[in-house]
Every structure is written in C-alpha cells, then in structure tokens.
N, C-alpha and C. Protein backbone atom coordinates (compact mmCIF):
# COMPACT_ATOMS: atom_id res chain seq x y z
N MET A 1 -36.98 44.00 86.38
CA MET A 1 -38.23 44.49 85.73
C MET A 1 -38.26 46.02 85.70
N ASP A 2 -37.73 46.53 86.83
CA ASP A 2 -37.71 47.94 86.86
C ASP A 2 -36.87 48.61 85.72
N GLN A 3 -35.87 47.90 85.34
CA GLN A 3 -35.10 48.41 84.16
C GLN A 3 -35.98 48.38 82.96
N ASP A 4 -36.73 47.29 82.80
CA ASP A 4 -37.60 47.31 81.63
C ASP A 4 -38.56 48.37 81.56
N LEU A 5 -39.04 48.76 82.78
CA LEU A 5 -40.14 49.84 82.90
C LEU A 5 -39.45 51.16 82.56
N LYS A 6 -38.13 51.20 82.95
CA LYS A 6 -37.54 52.53 82.62
C LYS A 6 -37.31 52.56 81.14
N GLN A 7 -37.08 51.56 80.58
CA GLN A 7 -36.67 51.73 79.03
C GLN A 7 -38.02 51.96 78.23
N GLU A 8 -39.15 51.29 78.76
CA GLU A 8 -40.40 51.66 78.10
C GLU A 8 -41.25 52.18 79.20
N PRO A 9 -41.34 53.42 79.28
CA PRO A 9 -42.12 54.00 80.40
C PRO A 9 -43.63 53.93 80.11
N HIS A 10 -44.14 53.82 78.93
CA HIS A 10 -45.48 53.68 78.60
C HIS A 10 -46.15 52.46 79.02
N LEU A 11 -45.34 51.42 79.29
CA LEU A 11 -46.02 50.07 79.68
C LEU A 11 -45.83 49.89 81.12
N ASP A 12 -46.78 49.36 81.73
CA ASP A 12 -46.80 48.95 83.09
C ASP A 12 -46.14 47.54 83.28
N ALA A 13 -45.99 47.17 84.59
CA ALA A 13 -45.41 45.81 84.80
C ALA A 13 -46.17 44.63 84.33
N SER A 14 -47.38 44.83 84.53
CA SER A 14 -48.30 43.60 84.01
C SER A 14 -48.33 43.43 82.49
N GLU A 15 -48.21 44.45 81.73
CA GLU A 15 -48.11 44.42 80.27
C GLU A 15 -46.88 43.69 79.79
N GLN A 16 -45.79 44.10 80.34
CA GLN A 16 -44.54 43.57 80.03
C GLN A 16 -44.28 42.10 80.39
N ALA A 17 -45.08 41.62 81.42
CA ALA A 17 -44.92 40.23 81.83
C ALA A 17 -45.78 39.30 80.75
N VAL A 18 -46.63 39.87 80.06
CA VAL A 18 -47.51 39.17 79.16
C VAL A 18 -46.64 38.49 78.02
N PRO A 19 -45.77 39.29 77.40
CA PRO A 19 -45.08 38.77 76.21
C PRO A 19 -44.08 37.68 76.79
N GLU A 20 -43.58 37.65 77.95
CA GLU A 20 -42.75 36.60 78.50
C GLU A 20 -43.62 35.34 78.51
N THR A 21 -44.79 35.41 79.12
CA THR A 21 -45.76 34.34 79.37
C THR A 21 -46.06 33.68 77.91
N GLU A 22 -46.27 34.65 77.01
CA GLU A 22 -46.74 34.14 75.51
C GLU A 22 -45.58 33.45 74.85
N GLU A 23 -44.33 33.96 75.12
CA GLU A 23 -43.10 33.45 74.52
C GLU A 23 -42.91 32.02 75.20
N THR A 24 -43.16 31.90 76.50
CA THR A 24 -42.99 30.65 77.19
C THR A 24 -43.97 29.57 76.73
N THR A 25 -45.25 30.15 76.49
CA THR A 25 -46.36 29.40 76.08
C THR A 25 -46.11 28.82 74.64
N TRP A 26 -45.60 29.71 73.80
CA TRP A 26 -45.32 29.19 72.28
C TRP A 26 -44.06 28.14 72.35
N ALA A 27 -43.22 28.53 73.19
CA ALA A 27 -42.02 27.60 73.25
C ALA A 27 -42.52 26.19 73.84
N GLN A 28 -43.37 26.37 74.84
CA GLN A 28 -43.90 25.11 75.43
C GLN A 28 -44.84 24.23 74.42
N ALA A 29 -45.57 24.99 73.78
CA ALA A 29 -46.36 24.26 72.63
C ALA A 29 -45.61 23.75 71.54
N ASP A 30 -44.47 24.43 71.20
CA ASP A 30 -43.60 23.88 70.17
C ASP A 30 -42.94 22.62 70.66
N GLN A 31 -42.45 22.57 71.94
CA GLN A 31 -41.89 21.41 72.41
C GLN A 31 -42.92 20.26 72.62
N ASP A 32 -44.18 20.62 73.01
CA ASP A 32 -45.26 19.64 73.10
C ASP A 32 -45.52 18.95 71.85
N GLU A 33 -45.54 19.83 70.68
CA GLU A 33 -45.90 19.26 69.51
C GLU A 33 -44.72 18.36 68.94
N GLN A 34 -43.49 18.81 69.17
CA GLN A 34 -42.43 17.91 68.92
C GLN A 34 -42.32 16.63 69.64
N ALA A 35 -42.79 16.72 70.88
CA ALA A 35 -42.74 15.56 71.83
C ALA A 35 -43.89 14.68 71.43
N SER A 36 -45.10 15.06 71.01
CA SER A 36 -46.20 14.22 70.53
C SER A 36 -45.96 13.86 69.03
N ALA A 37 -45.12 14.59 68.35
CA ALA A 37 -44.86 14.21 67.01
C ALA A 37 -43.91 12.88 66.87
N ALA A 38 -43.00 12.89 67.80
CA ALA A 38 -42.07 11.81 67.81
C ALA A 38 -42.75 10.36 67.92
N PRO A 39 -43.59 10.30 68.92
CA PRO A 39 -44.41 9.03 68.90
C PRO A 39 -45.15 8.68 67.82
N GLU A 40 -45.83 9.68 67.21
CA GLU A 40 -46.64 9.49 66.07
C GLU A 40 -45.88 9.13 64.78
N GLU A 41 -44.68 9.61 64.70
CA GLU A 41 -43.77 9.36 63.62
C GLU A 41 -43.26 7.94 63.83
N ALA A 42 -42.80 7.61 65.09
CA ALA A 42 -42.43 6.23 65.30
C ALA A 42 -43.59 5.24 65.00
N ARG A 43 -44.72 5.62 65.43
CA ARG A 43 -45.94 4.71 65.13
C ARG A 43 -46.09 4.57 63.61
N PHE A 44 -45.92 5.65 62.90
CA PHE A 44 -46.12 5.64 61.43
C PHE A 44 -45.02 4.68 60.87
N GLU A 45 -43.81 4.85 61.26
CA GLU A 45 -42.73 4.00 60.78
C GLU A 45 -43.00 2.51 61.01
N GLU A 46 -43.49 2.16 62.31
CA GLU A 46 -43.82 0.81 62.65
C GLU A 46 -44.96 0.33 61.76
N LEU A 47 -46.04 1.02 61.60
CA LEU A 47 -47.09 0.74 60.66
C LEU A 47 -46.63 0.48 59.18
N LYS A 48 -45.78 1.28 58.86
CA LYS A 48 -45.26 1.18 57.40
C LYS A 48 -44.40 -0.15 57.30
N ARG A 49 -43.70 -0.44 58.31
CA ARG A 49 -42.84 -1.69 58.27
C ARG A 49 -43.70 -2.92 58.23
N GLN A 50 -44.73 -2.83 59.18
CA GLN A 50 -45.70 -4.06 59.18
C GLN A 50 -46.48 -4.16 57.98
N ALA A 51 -46.84 -3.01 57.21
CA ALA A 51 -47.43 -3.13 55.90
C ALA A 51 -46.61 -3.70 54.87
N GLU A 52 -45.27 -3.43 54.87
CA GLU A 52 -44.34 -3.89 53.98
C GLU A 52 -44.18 -5.44 54.09
N GLU A 53 -44.02 -5.89 55.53
CA GLU A 53 -43.97 -7.28 55.73
C GLU A 53 -45.14 -8.06 55.38
N ALA A 54 -46.41 -7.41 55.50
CA ALA A 54 -47.50 -8.11 55.12
C ALA A 54 -47.59 -8.29 53.61
N TYR A 55 -47.10 -7.25 52.88
CA TYR A 55 -47.13 -7.17 51.44
C TYR A 55 -46.17 -8.33 50.93
N GLN A 56 -44.92 -8.39 51.63
CA GLN A 56 -43.97 -9.45 51.18
C GLN A 56 -44.45 -10.89 51.46
N ARG A 57 -45.35 -11.05 52.64
CA ARG A 57 -45.89 -12.34 52.85
C ARG A 57 -46.94 -12.72 51.78
N GLN A 58 -47.64 -11.67 51.49
CA GLN A 58 -48.70 -11.93 50.38
C GLN A 58 -48.14 -12.35 49.05
N LEU A 59 -46.96 -11.71 48.79
CA LEU A 59 -46.34 -12.03 47.47
C LEU A 59 -45.83 -13.59 47.57
N ARG A 60 -45.25 -13.99 48.71
CA ARG A 60 -44.76 -15.27 48.80
C ARG A 60 -45.97 -16.35 48.80
N VAL A 61 -47.00 -15.94 49.51
CA VAL A 61 -48.22 -16.84 49.33
C VAL A 61 -48.72 -17.03 47.98
N GLN A 62 -48.77 -15.88 47.21
CA GLN A 62 -49.16 -15.88 45.81
C GLN A 62 -48.29 -16.77 44.85
N ALA A 63 -47.00 -16.64 45.22
CA ALA A 63 -45.96 -17.40 44.45
C ALA A 63 -46.15 -18.80 44.71
N ASP A 64 -46.26 -19.19 46.01
CA ASP A 64 -46.53 -20.51 46.49
C ASP A 64 -47.75 -21.22 45.86
N PHE A 65 -48.86 -20.39 45.67
CA PHE A 65 -50.07 -20.90 45.11
C PHE A 65 -49.84 -21.11 43.73
N ASP A 66 -49.18 -20.26 43.00
CA ASP A 66 -48.98 -20.34 41.54
C ASP A 66 -48.13 -21.68 41.34
N ASN A 67 -47.12 -21.83 42.04
CA ASN A 67 -46.26 -23.06 41.90
C ASN A 67 -47.13 -24.32 42.19
N TYR A 68 -48.07 -24.31 43.20
CA TYR A 68 -48.99 -25.37 43.48
C TYR A 68 -49.88 -25.70 42.41
N ARG A 69 -50.41 -24.62 41.78
CA ARG A 69 -51.39 -24.78 40.59
C ARG A 69 -50.77 -25.41 39.53
N ARG A 70 -49.46 -24.95 39.16
CA ARG A 70 -48.80 -25.56 38.00
C ARG A 70 -48.39 -26.97 38.27
N ARG A 71 -48.00 -27.22 39.44
CA ARG A 71 -47.58 -28.61 39.80
C ARG A 71 -48.86 -29.60 39.65
N THR A 72 -50.04 -29.11 40.20
CA THR A 72 -51.14 -29.99 40.22
C THR A 72 -51.71 -30.16 38.81
N LEU A 73 -51.57 -29.08 37.99
CA LEU A 73 -52.01 -29.32 36.61
C LEU A 73 -51.10 -30.28 35.78
N LYS A 74 -49.68 -30.20 36.11
CA LYS A 74 -48.76 -31.18 35.48
C LYS A 74 -49.10 -32.47 35.92
N GLU A 75 -49.32 -32.76 37.27
CA GLU A 75 -49.68 -33.96 37.77
C GLU A 75 -50.91 -34.69 37.19
N THR A 76 -51.95 -33.68 37.00
CA THR A 76 -53.31 -34.19 36.38
C THR A 76 -53.06 -34.63 34.82
N ALA A 77 -52.16 -33.92 34.28
CA ALA A 77 -52.03 -34.15 32.87
C ALA A 77 -51.09 -35.45 32.74
N ASP A 78 -50.22 -35.62 33.62
CA ASP A 78 -49.45 -36.89 33.69
C ASP A 78 -50.39 -38.08 34.01
N LEU A 79 -51.20 -37.88 35.00
CA LEU A 79 -52.05 -38.93 35.35
C LEU A 79 -53.01 -39.40 34.24
N GLN A 80 -53.56 -38.42 33.42
CA GLN A 80 -54.26 -38.65 32.26
C GLN A 80 -53.55 -39.30 31.17
N LYS A 81 -52.33 -38.83 31.05
CA LYS A 81 -51.42 -39.38 30.01
C LYS A 81 -50.96 -40.89 30.22
N TYR A 82 -50.78 -41.19 31.57
CA TYR A 82 -50.27 -42.48 31.78
C TYR A 82 -51.20 -43.41 32.54
N ALA A 83 -52.61 -43.03 32.40
CA ALA A 83 -53.68 -43.70 33.13
C ALA A 83 -53.80 -45.27 32.80
N SER A 84 -53.33 -45.51 31.55
CA SER A 84 -53.58 -46.85 30.96
C SER A 84 -52.17 -47.55 31.10
N LEU A 85 -51.34 -47.03 31.83
CA LEU A 85 -49.83 -47.65 31.84
C LEU A 85 -49.93 -49.14 32.38
N LYS A 86 -50.70 -49.41 33.45
CA LYS A 86 -50.71 -50.70 33.99
C LYS A 86 -51.43 -51.71 33.03
N LEU A 87 -52.50 -51.30 32.35
CA LEU A 87 -53.26 -52.16 31.50
C LEU A 87 -52.29 -52.49 30.32
N VAL A 88 -51.67 -51.47 29.63
CA VAL A 88 -50.99 -51.64 28.51
C VAL A 88 -49.69 -52.44 28.88
N THR A 89 -49.03 -52.33 30.01
CA THR A 89 -47.92 -53.06 30.50
C THR A 89 -48.36 -54.68 30.67
N ASN A 90 -49.54 -54.85 31.07
CA ASN A 90 -50.10 -56.21 31.30
C ASN A 90 -50.42 -56.78 29.91
N LEU A 91 -50.61 -55.99 28.95
CA LEU A 91 -51.12 -56.49 27.64
C LEU A 91 -49.85 -56.91 26.74
N LEU A 92 -48.74 -56.38 27.09
CA LEU A 92 -47.48 -56.57 26.25
C LEU A 92 -47.21 -57.95 25.98
N PRO A 93 -47.26 -58.89 26.97
CA PRO A 93 -46.94 -60.43 26.71
C PRO A 93 -47.94 -60.88 25.68
N VAL A 94 -49.28 -60.43 25.73
CA VAL A 94 -50.22 -60.84 24.79
C VAL A 94 -49.96 -60.46 23.50
N LEU A 95 -49.46 -59.25 23.19
CA LEU A 95 -48.94 -58.69 21.96
C LEU A 95 -47.82 -59.64 21.37
N ASP A 96 -46.87 -59.95 22.37
CA ASP A 96 -45.78 -60.73 22.08
C ASP A 96 -46.16 -62.16 21.58
N ASN A 97 -47.17 -62.62 22.20
CA ASN A 97 -47.69 -64.03 21.90
C ASN A 97 -48.44 -64.09 20.55
N PHE A 98 -49.13 -62.87 20.24
CA PHE A 98 -49.83 -62.80 18.92
C PHE A 98 -48.83 -62.81 17.86
N GLY A 99 -47.70 -62.03 18.16
CA GLY A 99 -46.73 -61.86 17.07
C GLY A 99 -46.05 -63.18 16.80
N ARG A 100 -45.75 -63.94 17.82
CA ARG A 100 -45.13 -65.36 17.78
C ARG A 100 -46.04 -66.26 17.03
N ALA A 101 -47.38 -66.18 17.27
CA ALA A 101 -48.23 -67.04 16.68
C ALA A 101 -48.39 -66.75 15.28
N LEU A 102 -48.45 -65.38 14.85
CA LEU A 102 -48.46 -65.18 13.39
C LEU A 102 -47.18 -65.56 12.65
N GLN A 103 -46.05 -65.35 13.37
CA GLN A 103 -44.78 -65.76 12.73
C GLN A 103 -44.70 -67.24 12.51
N THR A 104 -45.08 -68.05 13.52
CA THR A 104 -45.00 -69.47 13.47
C THR A 104 -46.15 -69.98 12.45
N SER A 105 -47.26 -69.44 12.31
CA SER A 105 -48.37 -69.82 11.53
C SER A 105 -48.01 -69.58 10.07
N SER A 106 -47.25 -68.54 9.69
CA SER A 106 -46.77 -68.29 8.44
C SER A 106 -45.81 -69.25 7.97
N GLU A 107 -45.05 -69.84 8.95
CA GLU A 107 -44.03 -70.89 8.62
C GLU A 107 -44.63 -72.18 8.31
N GLY A 108 -45.77 -72.61 9.05
CA GLY A 108 -46.45 -73.90 8.97
C GLY A 108 -47.53 -73.84 7.91
N SER A 109 -48.20 -74.89 7.80
CA SER A 109 -49.24 -74.94 6.84
C SER A 109 -50.65 -75.08 7.47
N GLU A 110 -50.89 -74.15 8.47
CA GLU A 110 -52.27 -74.21 9.10
C GLU A 110 -53.33 -73.57 8.30
N SER A 111 -54.55 -73.55 8.71
CA SER A 111 -55.63 -73.09 7.99
C SER A 111 -55.48 -71.61 7.76
N ASP A 112 -55.68 -71.15 6.65
CA ASP A 112 -55.52 -69.70 6.27
C ASP A 112 -56.65 -68.82 7.01
N SER A 113 -57.77 -69.32 7.14
CA SER A 113 -58.84 -68.53 7.91
C SER A 113 -58.50 -68.30 9.35
N PHE A 114 -57.83 -69.39 10.02
CA PHE A 114 -57.44 -69.15 11.27
C PHE A 114 -56.44 -68.16 11.47
N VAL A 115 -55.36 -68.16 10.56
CA VAL A 115 -54.36 -67.23 10.59
C VAL A 115 -54.78 -65.75 10.29
N LYS A 116 -55.83 -65.65 9.38
CA LYS A 116 -56.36 -64.40 9.12
C LYS A 116 -57.13 -63.82 10.44
N GLY A 117 -57.87 -64.70 11.00
CA GLY A 117 -58.57 -64.37 12.26
C GLY A 117 -57.49 -63.82 13.31
N ILE A 118 -56.54 -64.53 13.54
CA ILE A 118 -55.53 -63.97 14.49
C ILE A 118 -54.95 -62.72 14.24
N ASP A 119 -54.67 -62.60 12.87
CA ASP A 119 -54.12 -61.31 12.32
C ASP A 119 -55.09 -60.18 12.53
N MET A 120 -56.46 -60.39 12.31
CA MET A 120 -57.35 -59.37 12.53
C MET A 120 -57.44 -58.90 13.97
N ILE A 121 -57.43 -59.87 14.84
CA ILE A 121 -57.44 -59.62 16.22
C ILE A 121 -56.20 -58.89 16.78
N ASN A 122 -54.97 -59.18 16.14
CA ASN A 122 -53.80 -58.50 16.44
C ASN A 122 -53.95 -57.04 15.95
N ARG A 123 -54.40 -56.82 14.80
CA ARG A 123 -54.40 -55.48 14.28
C ARG A 123 -55.46 -54.71 15.05
N GLN A 124 -56.58 -55.20 15.48
CA GLN A 124 -57.49 -54.53 16.39
C GLN A 124 -56.96 -54.24 17.63
N LEU A 125 -56.28 -55.08 18.27
CA LEU A 125 -55.69 -54.93 19.59
C LEU A 125 -54.60 -53.70 19.38
N TRP A 126 -53.78 -53.73 18.38
CA TRP A 126 -52.77 -52.64 18.12
C TRP A 126 -53.54 -51.31 17.95
N GLN A 127 -54.67 -51.29 17.29
CA GLN A 127 -55.32 -50.02 17.05
C GLN A 127 -55.80 -49.36 18.38
N VAL A 128 -56.28 -50.36 19.25
CA VAL A 128 -56.79 -49.89 20.57
C VAL A 128 -55.47 -49.28 21.36
N LEU A 129 -54.61 -50.15 21.40
CA LEU A 129 -53.36 -49.70 22.21
C LEU A 129 -52.68 -48.38 21.51
N GLU A 130 -52.53 -48.41 20.23
CA GLU A 130 -52.06 -47.17 19.68
C GLU A 130 -52.88 -45.91 20.03
N ALA A 131 -54.26 -46.03 20.04
CA ALA A 131 -55.01 -44.95 20.57
C ALA A 131 -54.74 -44.59 21.92
N GLU A 132 -54.29 -45.39 22.73
CA GLU A 132 -53.84 -45.11 24.14
C GLU A 132 -52.43 -44.44 24.21
N GLY A 133 -51.76 -44.56 23.07
CA GLY A 133 -50.36 -43.81 23.03
C GLY A 133 -49.24 -44.99 22.91
N LEU A 134 -49.52 -46.16 22.67
CA LEU A 134 -48.53 -47.21 22.69
C LEU A 134 -47.84 -47.17 21.30
N LYS A 135 -46.51 -47.18 21.26
CA LYS A 135 -45.74 -47.31 20.09
C LYS A 135 -44.69 -48.37 20.32
N ALA A 136 -44.51 -49.24 19.22
CA ALA A 136 -43.42 -50.06 19.29
C ALA A 136 -42.00 -49.46 18.87
N MET A 137 -41.03 -49.86 19.47
CA MET A 137 -39.75 -49.35 19.12
C MET A 137 -39.24 -50.06 17.93
N GLU A 138 -38.54 -49.42 16.96
CA GLU A 138 -37.94 -50.01 15.83
C GLU A 138 -36.42 -49.71 15.90
N PRO A 139 -35.70 -50.47 16.64
CA PRO A 139 -34.20 -50.12 16.88
C PRO A 139 -33.23 -50.69 16.01
N VAL A 140 -33.63 -51.66 15.05
CA VAL A 140 -32.71 -52.34 14.09
C VAL A 140 -32.04 -51.14 13.24
N GLY A 141 -30.72 -51.19 13.24
CA GLY A 141 -29.95 -50.22 12.42
C GLY A 141 -29.77 -48.93 13.12
N GLN A 142 -30.11 -48.78 14.40
CA GLN A 142 -30.07 -47.57 15.23
C GLN A 142 -28.88 -47.83 16.21
N PRO A 143 -28.12 -46.81 16.67
CA PRO A 143 -27.15 -46.92 17.58
C PRO A 143 -27.70 -47.51 19.04
N PHE A 144 -26.85 -48.38 19.66
CA PHE A 144 -27.47 -48.95 20.90
C PHE A 144 -27.47 -47.75 21.98
N ASP A 145 -28.55 -47.65 22.69
CA ASP A 145 -28.86 -46.79 23.72
C ASP A 145 -29.39 -47.51 24.91
N PRO A 146 -28.53 -47.54 25.98
CA PRO A 146 -28.91 -48.17 27.10
C PRO A 146 -30.25 -47.71 27.90
N GLU A 147 -30.65 -46.64 27.49
CA GLU A 147 -31.88 -46.14 28.04
C GLU A 147 -33.16 -46.67 27.30
N LEU A 148 -32.94 -47.11 26.05
CA LEU A 148 -33.91 -47.71 25.29
C LEU A 148 -33.92 -49.06 25.07
N HIS A 149 -32.66 -49.64 25.15
CA HIS A 149 -32.41 -51.08 24.73
C HIS A 149 -31.74 -51.83 25.85
N GLN A 150 -32.03 -53.14 25.84
CA GLN A 150 -31.36 -53.96 26.75
C GLN A 150 -30.53 -54.99 25.98
N ALA A 151 -29.21 -54.91 25.92
CA ALA A 151 -28.35 -55.65 25.07
C ALA A 151 -28.21 -57.10 25.75
N ILE A 152 -28.55 -58.26 24.92
CA ILE A 152 -28.49 -59.48 25.60
C ILE A 152 -27.49 -60.30 24.95
N MET A 153 -26.87 -59.79 23.76
CA MET A 153 -25.77 -60.51 22.94
C MET A 153 -25.10 -59.55 22.15
N GLN A 154 -23.77 -59.86 21.99
CA GLN A 154 -22.95 -58.95 21.15
C GLN A 154 -22.67 -60.07 19.92
N VAL A 155 -22.86 -59.62 18.60
CA VAL A 155 -22.60 -60.44 17.57
C VAL A 155 -21.72 -59.74 16.58
N GLU A 156 -20.99 -60.56 15.73
CA GLU A 156 -20.06 -59.99 14.66
C GLU A 156 -21.03 -59.71 13.51
N SER A 157 -20.84 -58.65 12.87
CA SER A 157 -21.73 -58.17 11.71
C SER A 157 -20.98 -57.43 10.61
N GLU A 158 -21.08 -57.99 9.51
CA GLU A 158 -20.45 -57.21 8.27
C GLU A 158 -21.39 -56.05 7.84
N GLU A 159 -22.56 -56.23 8.09
CA GLU A 159 -23.62 -55.14 7.67
C GLU A 159 -23.62 -53.96 8.48
N TYR A 160 -23.34 -54.09 9.76
CA TYR A 160 -23.43 -52.93 10.66
C TYR A 160 -22.10 -52.53 11.36
N GLU A 161 -21.93 -51.40 11.69
CA GLU A 161 -20.82 -50.92 12.38
C GLU A 161 -20.90 -51.34 13.88
N GLU A 162 -19.80 -51.19 14.63
CA GLU A 162 -19.79 -51.55 16.07
C GLU A 162 -20.84 -50.80 16.83
N GLY A 163 -21.58 -51.31 17.79
CA GLY A 163 -22.52 -50.59 18.67
C GLY A 163 -23.85 -50.25 18.10
N ILE A 164 -24.22 -50.92 16.91
CA ILE A 164 -25.38 -50.78 16.13
C ILE A 164 -26.33 -51.97 16.47
N VAL A 165 -27.55 -51.75 16.68
CA VAL A 165 -28.54 -52.84 16.98
C VAL A 165 -28.73 -53.62 15.65
N VAL A 166 -28.59 -54.85 15.75
CA VAL A 166 -28.68 -55.87 14.60
C VAL A 166 -29.96 -56.57 14.60
N GLU A 167 -30.43 -57.03 15.75
CA GLU A 167 -31.61 -57.90 15.76
C GLU A 167 -32.50 -57.48 17.09
N VAL A 168 -33.77 -57.59 17.02
CA VAL A 168 -34.62 -57.54 18.16
C VAL A 168 -35.04 -58.86 18.65
N VAL A 169 -34.76 -59.14 19.88
CA VAL A 169 -35.08 -60.42 20.37
C VAL A 169 -36.63 -60.26 21.00
N GLN A 170 -36.75 -59.17 21.76
CA GLN A 170 -38.10 -58.82 22.37
C GLN A 170 -38.36 -57.42 22.11
N PRO A 171 -39.54 -56.97 21.54
CA PRO A 171 -39.76 -55.52 21.29
C PRO A 171 -39.87 -54.82 22.46
N GLY A 172 -39.48 -53.46 22.30
CA GLY A 172 -39.63 -52.47 23.22
C GLY A 172 -40.85 -51.61 23.04
N TYR A 173 -41.34 -50.94 23.98
CA TYR A 173 -42.53 -50.07 23.75
C TYR A 173 -42.34 -48.81 24.39
N TRP A 174 -43.01 -47.72 23.84
CA TRP A 174 -43.25 -46.49 24.43
C TRP A 174 -44.63 -46.34 24.73
N LEU A 175 -44.94 -45.46 25.78
CA LEU A 175 -46.31 -45.08 26.07
C LEU A 175 -46.16 -43.58 26.10
N SER A 176 -46.70 -43.06 25.01
CA SER A 176 -46.55 -41.57 24.90
C SER A 176 -45.10 -41.38 24.81
N ASP A 177 -44.52 -40.57 25.75
CA ASP A 177 -43.07 -40.27 25.63
C ASP A 177 -42.21 -41.10 26.79
N LYS A 178 -42.86 -42.10 27.22
CA LYS A 178 -42.13 -42.84 28.31
C LYS A 178 -41.83 -44.37 27.85
N VAL A 179 -40.67 -44.75 28.06
CA VAL A 179 -40.24 -46.14 27.86
C VAL A 179 -40.91 -47.09 28.89
N ILE A 180 -41.86 -47.85 28.41
CA ILE A 180 -42.40 -48.77 29.40
C ILE A 180 -41.81 -50.20 29.43
N ARG A 181 -41.12 -50.47 28.29
CA ARG A 181 -40.37 -51.67 28.17
C ARG A 181 -39.18 -51.57 27.33
N PRO A 182 -37.92 -51.56 27.79
CA PRO A 182 -36.72 -51.58 26.73
C PRO A 182 -36.70 -52.80 25.82
N ALA A 183 -36.26 -52.52 24.67
CA ALA A 183 -36.17 -53.60 23.57
C ALA A 183 -34.90 -54.44 24.04
N MET A 184 -35.05 -55.85 24.04
CA MET A 184 -34.08 -56.78 24.21
C MET A 184 -33.49 -56.92 22.69
N VAL A 185 -32.19 -56.55 22.64
CA VAL A 185 -31.61 -56.60 21.32
C VAL A 185 -30.20 -57.32 21.23
N LYS A 186 -29.70 -57.57 20.04
CA LYS A 186 -28.44 -58.13 19.77
C LYS A 186 -27.77 -56.83 19.21
N VAL A 187 -26.43 -56.56 19.68
CA VAL A 187 -25.70 -55.44 19.20
C VAL A 187 -24.49 -55.86 18.39
N SER A 188 -24.13 -55.34 17.43
CA SER A 188 -22.86 -55.62 16.63
C SER A 188 -21.65 -55.20 17.43
N GLY A 189 -20.61 -56.06 17.30
CA GLY A 189 -19.50 -55.88 18.08
C GLY A 189 -18.26 -56.14 17.39
C-alpha cells in the first residue's frame, strides 16, 4: 500500500482502500446475481416443461373426447336405424306365409274376396315394413354372392351362365343397408 501512496501522493490510505472494497462488492454482487439467476432459470425451465406436458395431456384428452363423441353419435344412429331389427326379423316368416297363401290361392278356385283380403293385408304389412327400411332382395339373374345368398342347389340352365342365380327358394331381405336374411337360391352350374 505504501507503494500505491507513493504513486498517488494526493490520496491517503483510506481513500485508496475504498475502490478495492467497491470492486470486491461489485464482483460479489455480480456473482450473487448469477448464483440466484441459475436457480430461477432452472425453475423457469421446469415450469415451462410442466406447462408443455399439461398442454399435451389436454390435447390428448380433447382428442379422446372427440373420438368418444363421434363413436356415441354413430352408435345412436345405428340404434335408431336398426331398432326394429328384431320385430322385422320375427315378421319375415309371416311375410313368407302370406306370399305362399297368395300363390296357392291364385292356383286354386277359392273365393275372390278372400284372396283380395289377404292381398290387401299383405300389401299393408309391406308398406309398414318398407317404412322401417325393409327391402326384399331380387337376386334372379344376378351373380351368386355368398354374403347375400345361400345356395341350396346347383342346377343346369341354358338361359343363364354358370354362377348366376336361377331361382329363389326363400326370399332374402335387407334392413336399411344390412342383410338380415340371405336369400336361399338355386344357382346355375
């Protein structure tokens, strides 16, 4: 310190000590700021990571909910579409019997009014069932499709090529776009 006093004679020892203390204080303050900034930055990064995870979870939950909503809407639509499936399926033998009765009555000589009455009931029943979405298959002349037809016999036919439905033994039905009973058919072979 004596050398410092010699270099700067107008300053006494107490004045020269102050700059060293200020420098030390500034350096310490700088180090303290850096030391306190490191935990704050780490905390900021941790909070940022947690926020990103929460955002990703929220996106997944939203996607799951959207899928759930679409699935339930489709299930509800299917329930409404096929609500009458059991009833219609149970009425198919009745339709078959009406058809047979009308077929045999036209061959015999029964009372015309009785036949007309059965025919009217048959048509009315068909109107109700068609309103529910029932449609009869008309496979004669169409290529055999195992998803729509049940082959019970293979017959020789000059009129049709091989693999074509020749005759319907028992009618098949659709309910909307679903096969509820395949048609029993004879196929050309």
